[in-house]
Amino acid sequence: MLFSVETLKDAFDVIDVPKLEEEVSRLFRSNAFNMTERRLHEEERIKLYPQLQDLPGKPPSDEEIKKKLLLRARVPK
Protein backbone atom coordinates (compact mmCIF):
# COMPACT_ATOMS: atom_id res chain seq x y z
CA MET A 1 0.00 0.00 0.00
CA LEU A 2 2.80 2.40 0.92
CA PHE A 3 4.67 1.52 -2.26
CA SER A 4 1.60 2.42 -4.32
CA VAL A 5 1.22 5.78 -2.63
CA GLU A 6 4.92 6.61 -2.97
CA THR A 7 4.86 5.66 -6.64
CA LEU A 8 1.76 7.74 -7.40
CA LYS A 9 2.78 10.86 -5.44
CA ASP A 10 4.66 12.35 -8.39
CA ALA A 11 1.56 12.21 -10.56
CA PHE A 12 -0.51 14.31 -8.12
CA ASP A 13 -0.28 17.82 -6.72
CA VAL A 14 1.15 18.14 -3.21
CA ILE A 15 -2.21 19.25 -1.83
CA ASP A 16 -3.88 16.10 -3.22
CA VAL A 17 -1.46 13.61 -1.61
CA PRO A 18 -3.53 13.16 1.60
CA LYS A 19 -6.59 12.38 -0.55
CA LEU A 20 -4.47 9.94 -2.56
CA GLU A 21 -3.28 8.17 0.61
CA GLU A 22 -6.84 7.93 1.89
CA GLU A 23 -8.21 6.52 -1.37
CA VAL A 24 -5.42 3.97 -1.82
CA SER A 25 -5.91 2.86 1.78
CA ARG A 26 -9.66 2.54 1.24
CA LEU A 27 -9.13 0.59 -1.96
CA PHE A 28 -6.78 -1.96 -0.41
CA ARG A 29 -9.11 -2.46 2.56
CA SER A 30 -12.14 -3.05 0.33
CA ASN A 31 -13.62 -6.48 -0.38
CA ALA A 32 -11.93 -6.57 -3.76
CA PHE A 33 -8.58 -7.14 -2.02
CA ASN A 34 -9.84 -8.86 1.13
CA MET A 35 -9.84 -12.55 0.16
CA THR A 36 -10.91 -13.77 3.61
CA GLU A 37 -13.97 -11.52 3.63
CA ARG A 38 -14.88 -12.56 0.09
CA ARG A 39 -14.53 -16.27 0.91
CA LEU A 40 -16.64 -15.95 4.09
CA HIS A 41 -19.30 -14.01 2.19
CA GLU A 42 -19.40 -16.67 -0.53
CA GLU A 43 -19.62 -19.51 2.02
CA GLU A 44 -22.51 -17.75 3.77
CA ARG A 45 -24.27 -17.25 0.44
CA ILE A 46 -23.88 -20.95 -0.43
CA LYS A 47 -25.37 -21.88 2.96
CA LEU A 48 -28.43 -19.75 2.17
CA TYR A 49 -28.67 -20.94 -1.43
CA PRO A 50 -27.28 -24.49 -1.81
CA GLN A 51 -28.10 -24.45 -5.53
CA LEU A 52 -25.03 -22.21 -6.01
CA GLN A 53 -22.74 -25.02 -4.96
CA ASP A 54 -20.87 -26.78 -7.75
CA LEU A 55 -21.93 -30.31 -8.58
CA PRO A 56 -19.39 -32.77 -7.16
CA GLY A 57 -18.03 -35.84 -8.92
CA LYS A 58 -18.67 -36.74 -12.51
CA PRO A 59 -19.37 -34.13 -15.18
CA PRO A 60 -23.05 -33.12 -15.09
CA SER A 61 -25.45 -34.10 -17.85
CA ASP A 62 -27.19 -31.48 -19.98
CA GLU A 63 -30.39 -31.98 -17.99
CA GLU A 64 -28.58 -31.43 -14.68
CA ILE A 65 -26.99 -28.26 -16.03
CA LYS A 66 -30.36 -26.89 -17.15
CA LYS A 67 -31.91 -27.66 -13.77
CA LYS A 68 -28.99 -26.01 -11.96
CA LEU A 69 -29.24 -22.88 -14.12
CA LEU A 70 -32.97 -22.57 -13.42
CA LEU A 71 -32.37 -22.87 -9.68
CA ARG A 72 -29.54 -20.33 -9.78
CA ALA A 73 -31.75 -17.85 -11.62
CA ARG A 74 -33.99 -17.72 -8.54
CA VAL A 75 -31.17 -16.52 -6.25
CA PRO A 76 -31.28 -12.78 -5.54
CA LYS A 77 -28.27 -10.81 -6.77
PDB file of N, CA and C in Angstrom:
ATOM      1  N   MET A   1       0.832  -1.174   0.000  1.00  0.00           N
ATOM      2  CA  MET A   1       0.000   0.000   0.000  1.00  0.00           C
ATOM      3  C   MET A   1       0.886   1.251   0.000  1.00  0.00           C
ATOM      4  N   LEU A   2       1.898   1.255   0.853  1.00  0.00           N
ATOM      5  CA  LEU A   2       2.798   2.401   0.917  1.00  0.00           C
ATOM      6  C   LEU A   2       3.574   2.580  -0.388  1.00  0.00           C
ATOM      7  N   PHE A   3       3.962   1.455  -0.982  1.00  0.00           N
ATOM      8  CA  PHE A   3       4.670   1.524  -2.261  1.00  0.00           C
ATOM      9  C   PHE A   3       3.795   2.185  -3.319  1.00  0.00           C
ATOM     10  N   SER A   4       2.526   1.835  -3.345  1.00  0.00           N
ATOM     11  CA  SER A   4       1.603   2.418  -4.325  1.00  0.00           C
ATOM     12  C   SER A   4       1.489   3.923  -4.136  1.00  0.00           C
ATOM     13  N   VAL A   5       1.350   4.346  -2.912  1.00  0.00           N
ATOM     14  CA  VAL A   5       1.215   5.776  -2.627  1.00  0.00           C
ATOM     15  C   VAL A   5       2.497   6.509  -3.030  1.00  0.00           C
ATOM     16  N   GLU A   6       3.651   5.967  -2.635  1.00  0.00           N
ATOM     17  CA  GLU A   6       4.919   6.610  -2.971  1.00  0.00           C
ATOM     18  C   GLU A   6       5.118   6.702  -4.487  1.00  0.00           C
ATOM     19  N   THR A   7       4.709   5.677  -5.186  1.00  0.00           N
ATOM     20  CA  THR A   7       4.859   5.657  -6.638  1.00  0.00           C
ATOM     21  C   THR A   7       3.944   6.685  -7.301  1.00  0.00           C
ATOM     22  N   LEU A   8       2.738   6.841  -6.783  1.00  0.00           N
ATOM     23  CA  LEU A   8       1.760   7.742  -7.396  1.00  0.00           C
ATOM     24  C   LEU A   8       1.912   9.206  -6.990  1.00  0.00           C
ATOM     25  N   LYS A   9       2.659   9.481  -5.936  1.00  0.00           N
ATOM     26  CA  LYS A   9       2.779  10.859  -5.444  1.00  0.00           C
ATOM     27  C   LYS A   9       3.220  11.840  -6.518  1.00  0.00           C
ATOM     28  N   ASP A  10       4.138  11.435  -7.369  1.00  0.00           N
ATOM     29  CA  ASP A  10       4.662  12.345  -8.386  1.00  0.00           C
ATOM     30  C   ASP A  10       3.610  12.741  -9.418  1.00  0.00           C
ATOM     31  N   ALA A  11       2.595  11.923  -9.569  1.00  0.00           N
ATOM     32  CA  ALA A  11       1.563  12.207 -10.564  1.00  0.00           C
ATOM     33  C   ALA A  11       0.480  13.148 -10.036  1.00  0.00           C
ATOM     34  N   PHE A  12       0.522  13.478  -8.737  1.00  0.00           N
ATOM     35  CA  PHE A  12      -0.510  14.313  -8.122  1.00  0.00           C
ATOM     36  C   PHE A  12       0.101  15.580  -7.541  1.00  0.00           C
ATOM     37  N   ASP A  13      -0.717  16.603  -7.393  1.00  0.00           N
ATOM     38  CA  ASP A  13      -0.277  17.820  -6.719  1.00  0.00           C
ATOM     39  C   ASP A  13      -0.043  17.529  -5.247  1.00  0.00           C
ATOM     40  N   VAL A  14       0.807  18.334  -4.622  1.00  0.00           N
ATOM     41  CA  VAL A  14       1.153  18.139  -3.211  1.00  0.00           C
ATOM     42  C   VAL A  14      -0.093  18.226  -2.326  1.00  0.00           C
ATOM     43  N   ILE A  15      -1.010  19.106  -2.668  1.00  0.00           N
ATOM     44  CA  ILE A  15      -2.208  19.251  -1.828  1.00  0.00           C
ATOM     45  C   ILE A  15      -3.155  18.053  -1.950  1.00  0.00           C
ATOM     46  N   ASP A  16      -3.014  17.258  -3.014  1.00  0.00           N
ATOM     47  CA  ASP A  16      -3.878  16.095  -3.219  1.00  0.00           C
ATOM     48  C   ASP A  16      -3.307  14.798  -2.636  1.00  0.00           C
ATOM     49  N   VAL A  17      -2.095  14.828  -2.125  1.00  0.00           N
ATOM     50  CA  VAL A  17      -1.460  13.611  -1.609  1.00  0.00           C
ATOM     51  C   VAL A  17      -2.239  13.003  -0.437  1.00  0.00           C
ATOM     52  N   PRO A  18      -2.731  13.788   0.526  1.00  0.00           N
ATOM     53  CA  PRO A  18      -3.528  13.159   1.601  1.00  0.00           C
ATOM     54  C   PRO A  18      -4.779  12.444   1.070  1.00  0.00           C
ATOM     55  N   LYS A  19      -5.426  13.033   0.071  1.00  0.00           N
ATOM     56  CA  LYS A  19      -6.586  12.377  -0.547  1.00  0.00           C
ATOM     57  C   LYS A  19      -6.158  11.080  -1.227  1.00  0.00           C
ATOM     58  N   LEU A  20      -5.016  11.124  -1.905  1.00  0.00           N
ATOM     59  CA  LEU A  20      -4.471   9.941  -2.563  1.00  0.00           C
ATOM     60  C   LEU A  20      -4.222   8.832  -1.552  1.00  0.00           C
ATOM     61  N   GLU A  21      -3.562   9.164  -0.435  1.00  0.00           N
ATOM     62  CA  GLU A  21      -3.279   8.170   0.605  1.00  0.00           C
ATOM     63  C   GLU A  21      -4.568   7.562   1.150  1.00  0.00           C
ATOM     64  N   GLU A  22      -5.558   8.395   1.367  1.00  0.00           N
ATOM     65  CA  GLU A  22      -6.836   7.925   1.894  1.00  0.00           C
ATOM     66  C   GLU A  22      -7.536   6.982   0.911  1.00  0.00           C
ATOM     67  N   GLU A  23      -7.539   7.343  -0.361  1.00  0.00           N
ATOM     68  CA  GLU A  23      -8.213   6.518  -1.371  1.00  0.00           C
ATOM     69  C   GLU A  23      -7.491   5.189  -1.606  1.00  0.00           C
ATOM     70  N   VAL A  24      -6.173   5.215  -1.643  1.00  0.00           N
ATOM     71  CA  VAL A  24      -5.421   3.967  -1.825  1.00  0.00           C
ATOM     72  C   VAL A  24      -5.649   3.065  -0.621  1.00  0.00           C
ATOM     73  N   SER A  25      -5.644   3.633   0.567  1.00  0.00           N
ATOM     74  CA  SER A  25      -5.907   2.859   1.776  1.00  0.00           C
ATOM     75  C   SER A  25      -7.308   2.244   1.739  1.00  0.00           C
ATOM     76  N   ARG A  26      -8.288   3.038   1.347  1.00  0.00           N
ATOM     77  CA  ARG A  26      -9.663   2.543   1.244  1.00  0.00           C
ATOM     78  C   ARG A  26      -9.762   1.423   0.217  1.00  0.00           C
ATOM     79  N   LEU A  27      -9.099   1.594  -0.905  1.00  0.00           N
ATOM     80  CA  LEU A  27      -9.126   0.591  -1.964  1.00  0.00           C
ATOM     81  C   LEU A  27      -8.564  -0.749  -1.483  1.00  0.00           C
ATOM     82  N   PHE A  28      -7.407  -0.713  -0.842  1.00  0.00           N
ATOM     83  CA  PHE A  28      -6.783  -1.958  -0.406  1.00  0.00           C
ATOM     84  C   PHE A  28      -7.505  -2.613   0.769  1.00  0.00           C
ATOM     85  N   ARG A  29      -8.338  -1.871   1.463  1.00  0.00           N
ATOM     86  CA  ARG A  29      -9.109  -2.458   2.558  1.00  0.00           C
ATOM     87  C   ARG A  29     -10.507  -2.891   2.107  1.00  0.00           C
ATOM     88  N   SER A  30     -10.826  -2.674   0.850  1.00  0.00           N
ATOM     89  CA  SER A  30     -12.143  -3.050   0.335  1.00  0.00           C
ATOM     90  C   SER A  30     -12.218  -4.558   0.115  1.00  0.00           C
ATOM     91  N   ASN A  31     -13.416  -5.042  -0.160  1.00  0.00           N
ATOM     92  CA  ASN A  31     -13.623  -6.478  -0.384  1.00  0.00           C
ATOM     93  C   ASN A  31     -12.895  -6.996  -1.614  1.00  0.00           C
ATOM     94  N   ALA A  32     -12.620  -6.130  -2.552  1.00  0.00           N
ATOM     95  CA  ALA A  32     -11.926  -6.574  -3.762  1.00  0.00           C
ATOM     96  C   ALA A  32     -10.553  -7.157  -3.444  1.00  0.00           C
ATOM     97  N   PHE A  33      -9.899  -6.661  -2.394  1.00  0.00           N
ATOM     98  CA  PHE A  33      -8.582  -7.139  -2.017  1.00  0.00           C
ATOM     99  C   PHE A  33      -8.599  -7.977  -0.746  1.00  0.00           C
ATOM    100  N   ASN A  34      -9.744  -8.120  -0.111  1.00  0.00           N
ATOM    101  CA  ASN A  34      -9.838  -8.865   1.133  1.00  0.00           C
ATOM    102  C   ASN A  34     -10.370 -10.270   0.832  1.00  0.00           C
ATOM    103  N   MET A  35      -9.455 -11.194   0.564  1.00  0.00           N
ATOM    104  CA  MET A  35      -9.836 -12.547   0.157  1.00  0.00           C
ATOM    105  C   MET A  35     -10.600 -13.288   1.257  1.00  0.00           C
ATOM    106  N   THR A  36     -10.222 -13.093   2.510  1.00  0.00           N
ATOM    107  CA  THR A  36     -10.909 -13.771   3.612  1.00  0.00           C
ATOM    108  C   THR A  36     -12.369 -13.331   3.668  1.00  0.00           C
ATOM    109  N   GLU A  37     -12.597 -12.042   3.586  1.00  0.00           N
ATOM    110  CA  GLU A  37     -13.968 -11.517   3.631  1.00  0.00           C
ATOM    111  C   GLU A  37     -14.782 -12.034   2.451  1.00  0.00           C
ATOM    112  N   ARG A  38     -14.169 -12.060   1.273  1.00  0.00           N
ATOM    113  CA  ARG A  38     -14.878 -12.561   0.091  1.00  0.00           C
ATOM    114  C   ARG A  38     -15.227 -14.037   0.240  1.00  0.00           C
ATOM    115  N   ARG A  39     -14.285 -14.835   0.746  1.00  0.00           N
ATOM    116  CA  ARG A  39     -14.534 -16.271   0.914  1.00  0.00           C
ATOM    117  C   ARG A  39     -15.644 -16.507   1.941  1.00  0.00           C
ATOM    118  N   LEU A  40     -15.604 -15.791   3.065  1.00  0.00           N
ATOM    119  CA  LEU A  40     -16.639 -15.945   4.089  1.00  0.00           C
ATOM    120  C   LEU A  40     -18.011 -15.539   3.554  1.00  0.00           C
ATOM    121  N   HIS A  41     -18.044 -14.458   2.782  1.00  0.00           N
ATOM    122  CA  HIS A  41     -19.301 -14.009   2.193  1.00  0.00           C
ATOM    123  C   HIS A  41     -19.850 -15.067   1.229  1.00  0.00           C
ATOM    124  N   GLU A  42     -18.972 -15.644   0.425  1.00  0.00           N
ATOM    125  CA  GLU A  42     -19.398 -16.668  -0.534  1.00  0.00           C
ATOM    126  C   GLU A  42     -19.878 -17.931   0.185  1.00  0.00           C
ATOM    127  N   GLU A  43     -19.194 -18.335   1.250  1.00  0.00           N
ATOM    128  CA  GLU A  43     -19.618 -19.510   2.017  1.00  0.00           C
ATOM    129  C   GLU A  43     -20.992 -19.274   2.645  1.00  0.00           C
ATOM    130  N   GLU A  44     -21.212 -18.086   3.170  1.00  0.00           N
ATOM    131  CA  GLU A  44     -22.509 -17.748   3.769  1.00  0.00           C
ATOM    132  C   GLU A  44     -23.614 -17.767   2.707  1.00  0.00           C
ATOM    133  N   ARG A  45     -23.295 -17.267   1.542  1.00  0.00           N
ATOM    134  CA  ARG A  45     -24.267 -17.252   0.439  1.00  0.00           C
ATOM    135  C   ARG A  45     -24.617 -18.672  -0.008  1.00  0.00           C
ATOM    136  N   ILE A  46     -23.637 -19.564  -0.041  1.00  0.00           N
ATOM    137  CA  ILE A  46     -23.881 -20.952  -0.429  1.00  0.00           C
ATOM    138  C   ILE A  46     -24.716 -21.664   0.632  1.00  0.00           C
ATOM    139  N   LYS A  47     -24.531 -21.296   1.908  1.00  0.00           N
ATOM    140  CA  LYS A  47     -25.371 -21.884   2.961  1.00  0.00           C
ATOM    141  C   LYS A  47     -26.835 -21.482   2.756  1.00  0.00           C
ATOM    142  N   LEU A  48     -27.060 -20.227   2.387  1.00  0.00           N
ATOM    143  CA  LEU A  48     -28.426 -19.749   2.171  1.00  0.00           C
ATOM    144  C   LEU A  48     -29.038 -20.323   0.893  1.00  0.00           C
ATOM    145  N   TYR A  49     -28.203 -20.469  -0.130  1.00  0.00           N
ATOM    146  CA  TYR A  49     -28.668 -20.938  -1.432  1.00  0.00           C
ATOM    147  C   TYR A  49     -27.791 -22.105  -1.899  1.00  0.00           C
ATOM    148  N   PRO A  50     -28.114 -23.331  -1.456  1.00  0.00           N
ATOM    149  CA  PRO A  50     -27.285 -24.489  -1.808  1.00  0.00           C
ATOM    150  C   PRO A  50     -27.195 -24.749  -3.313  1.00  0.00           C
ATOM    151  N   GLN A  51     -28.141 -24.234  -4.089  1.00  0.00           N
ATOM    152  CA  GLN A  51     -28.100 -24.447  -5.534  1.00  0.00           C
ATOM    153  C   GLN A  51     -26.903 -23.754  -6.184  1.00  0.00           C
ATOM    154  N   LEU A  52     -26.220 -22.870  -5.467  1.00  0.00           N
ATOM    155  CA  LEU A  52     -25.033 -22.212  -6.007  1.00  0.00           C
ATOM    156  C   LEU A  52     -23.793 -23.097  -5.936  1.00  0.00           C
ATOM    157  N   GLN A  53     -23.880 -24.131  -5.132  1.00  0.00           N
ATOM    158  CA  GLN A  53     -22.743 -25.021  -4.959  1.00  0.00           C
ATOM    159  C   GLN A  53     -22.489 -25.814  -6.238  1.00  0.00           C
ATOM    160  N   ASP A  54     -21.227 -26.010  -6.563  1.00  0.00           N
ATOM    161  CA  ASP A  54     -20.869 -26.785  -7.747  1.00  0.00           C
ATOM    162  C   ASP A  54     -21.234 -28.246  -7.549  1.00  0.00           C
ATOM    163  N   LEU A  55     -21.586 -28.899  -8.637  1.00  0.00           N
ATOM    164  CA  LEU A  55     -21.927 -30.314  -8.582  1.00  0.00           C
ATOM    165  C   LEU A  55     -20.650 -31.141  -8.414  1.00  0.00           C
ATOM    166  N   PRO A  56     -20.595 -31.969  -7.374  1.00  0.00           N
ATOM    167  CA  PRO A  56     -19.392 -32.772  -7.156  1.00  0.00           C
ATOM    168  C   PRO A  56     -19.356 -34.000  -8.067  1.00  0.00           C
ATOM    169  N   GLY A  57     -18.161 -34.559  -8.215  1.00  0.00           N
ATOM    170  CA  GLY A  57     -18.028 -35.835  -8.919  1.00  0.00           C
ATOM    171  C   GLY A  57     -17.976 -35.724 -10.424  1.00  0.00           C
ATOM    172  N   LYS A  58     -18.712 -36.617 -11.052  1.00  0.00           N
ATOM    173  CA  LYS A  58     -18.673 -36.739 -12.514  1.00  0.00           C
ATOM    174  C   LYS A  58     -19.221 -35.492 -13.198  1.00  0.00           C
ATOM    175  N   PRO A  59     -18.835 -35.281 -14.441  1.00  0.00           N
ATOM    176  CA  PRO A  59     -19.369 -34.130 -15.183  1.00  0.00           C
ATOM    177  C   PRO A  59     -20.896 -34.224 -15.282  1.00  0.00           C
ATOM    178  N   PRO A  60     -21.591 -33.102 -15.071  1.00  0.00           N
ATOM    179  CA  PRO A  60     -23.054 -33.122 -15.094  1.00  0.00           C
ATOM    180  C   PRO A  60     -23.603 -33.319 -16.502  1.00  0.00           C
ATOM    181  N   SER A  61     -24.781 -33.922 -16.563  1.00  0.00           N
ATOM    182  CA  SER A  61     -25.452 -34.098 -17.850  1.00  0.00           C
ATOM    183  C   SER A  61     -26.092 -32.773 -18.258  1.00  0.00           C
ATOM    184  N   ASP A  62     -26.542 -32.705 -19.495  1.00  0.00           N
ATOM    185  CA  ASP A  62     -27.188 -31.481 -19.980  1.00  0.00           C
ATOM    186  C   ASP A  62     -28.432 -31.157 -19.156  1.00  0.00           C
ATOM    187  N   GLU A  63     -29.163 -32.180 -18.783  1.00  0.00           N
ATOM    188  CA  GLU A  63     -30.387 -31.984 -17.985  1.00  0.00           C
ATOM    189  C   GLU A  63     -30.051 -31.423 -16.601  1.00  0.00           C
ATOM    190  N   GLU A  64     -28.998 -31.932 -15.991  1.00  0.00           N
ATOM    191  CA  GLU A  64     -28.582 -31.433 -14.676  1.00  0.00           C
ATOM    192  C   GLU A  64     -28.122 -29.975 -14.773  1.00  0.00           C
ATOM    193  N   ILE A  65     -27.445 -29.639 -15.836  1.00  0.00           N
ATOM    194  CA  ILE A  65     -26.989 -28.261 -16.033  1.00  0.00           C
ATOM    195  C   ILE A  65     -28.175 -27.322 -16.188  1.00  0.00           C
ATOM    196  N   LYS A  66     -29.164 -27.717 -16.963  1.00  0.00           N
ATOM    197  CA  LYS A  66     -30.363 -26.890 -17.147  1.00  0.00           C
ATOM    198  C   LYS A  66     -31.086 -26.676 -15.830  1.00  0.00           C
ATOM    199  N   LYS A  67     -31.229 -27.748 -15.060  1.00  0.00           N
ATOM    200  CA  LYS A  67     -31.911 -27.660 -13.766  1.00  0.00           C
ATOM    201  C   LYS A  67     -31.149 -26.718 -12.830  1.00  0.00           C
ATOM    202  N   LYS A  68     -29.831 -26.849 -12.812  1.00  0.00           N
ATOM    203  CA  LYS A  68     -28.989 -26.011 -11.959  1.00  0.00           C
ATOM    204  C   LYS A  68     -29.105 -24.538 -12.362  1.00  0.00           C
ATOM    205  N   LEU A  69     -29.116 -24.257 -13.647  1.00  0.00           N
ATOM    206  CA  LEU A  69     -29.241 -22.878 -14.116  1.00  0.00           C
ATOM    207  C   LEU A  69     -30.589 -22.271 -13.730  1.00  0.00           C
ATOM    208  N   LEU A  70     -31.648 -23.069 -13.823  1.00  0.00           N
ATOM    209  CA  LEU A  70     -32.970 -22.567 -13.422  1.00  0.00           C
ATOM    210  C   LEU A  70     -33.013 -22.259 -11.933  1.00  0.00           C
ATOM    211  N   LEU A  71     -32.397 -23.121 -11.125  1.00  0.00           N
ATOM    212  CA  LEU A  71     -32.367 -22.870  -9.679  1.00  0.00           C
ATOM    213  C   LEU A  71     -31.519 -21.655  -9.345  1.00  0.00           C
ATOM    214  N   ARG A  72     -30.407 -21.486 -10.038  1.00  0.00           N
ATOM    215  CA  ARG A  72     -29.541 -20.332  -9.777  1.00  0.00           C
ATOM    216  C   ARG A  72     -30.201 -19.028 -10.184  1.00  0.00           C
ATOM    217  N   ALA A  73     -31.071 -19.065 -11.157  1.00  0.00           N
ATOM    218  CA  ALA A  73     -31.752 -17.846 -11.617  1.00  0.00           C
ATOM    219  C   ALA A  73     -32.677 -17.298 -10.533  1.00  0.00           C
ATOM    220  N   ARG A  74     -33.092 -18.145  -9.614  1.00  0.00           N
ATOM    221  CA  ARG A  74     -33.995 -17.718  -8.539  1.00  0.00           C
ATOM    222  C   ARG A  74     -33.277 -17.053  -7.368  1.00  0.00           C
ATOM    223  N   VAL A  75     -31.958 -17.103  -7.351  1.00  0.00           N
ATOM    224  CA  VAL A  75     -31.173 -16.521  -6.252  1.00  0.00           C
ATOM    225  C   VAL A  75     -31.079 -15.015  -6.451  1.00  0.00           C
ATOM    226  N   PRO A  76     -31.401 -14.235  -5.401  1.00  0.00           N
ATOM    227  CA  PRO A  76     -31.284 -12.781  -5.543  1.00  0.00           C
ATOM    228  C   PRO A  76     -29.827 -12.353  -5.740  1.00  0.00           C
ATOM    229  N   LYS A  77     -29.641 -11.307  -6.484  1.00  0.00           N
ATOM    230  CA  LYS A  77     -28.271 -10.814  -6.771  1.00  0.00           C
ATOM    231  C   LYS A  77     -27.668 -10.160  -5.569  1.00  0.00           C
TER     232      LYS A  77
END
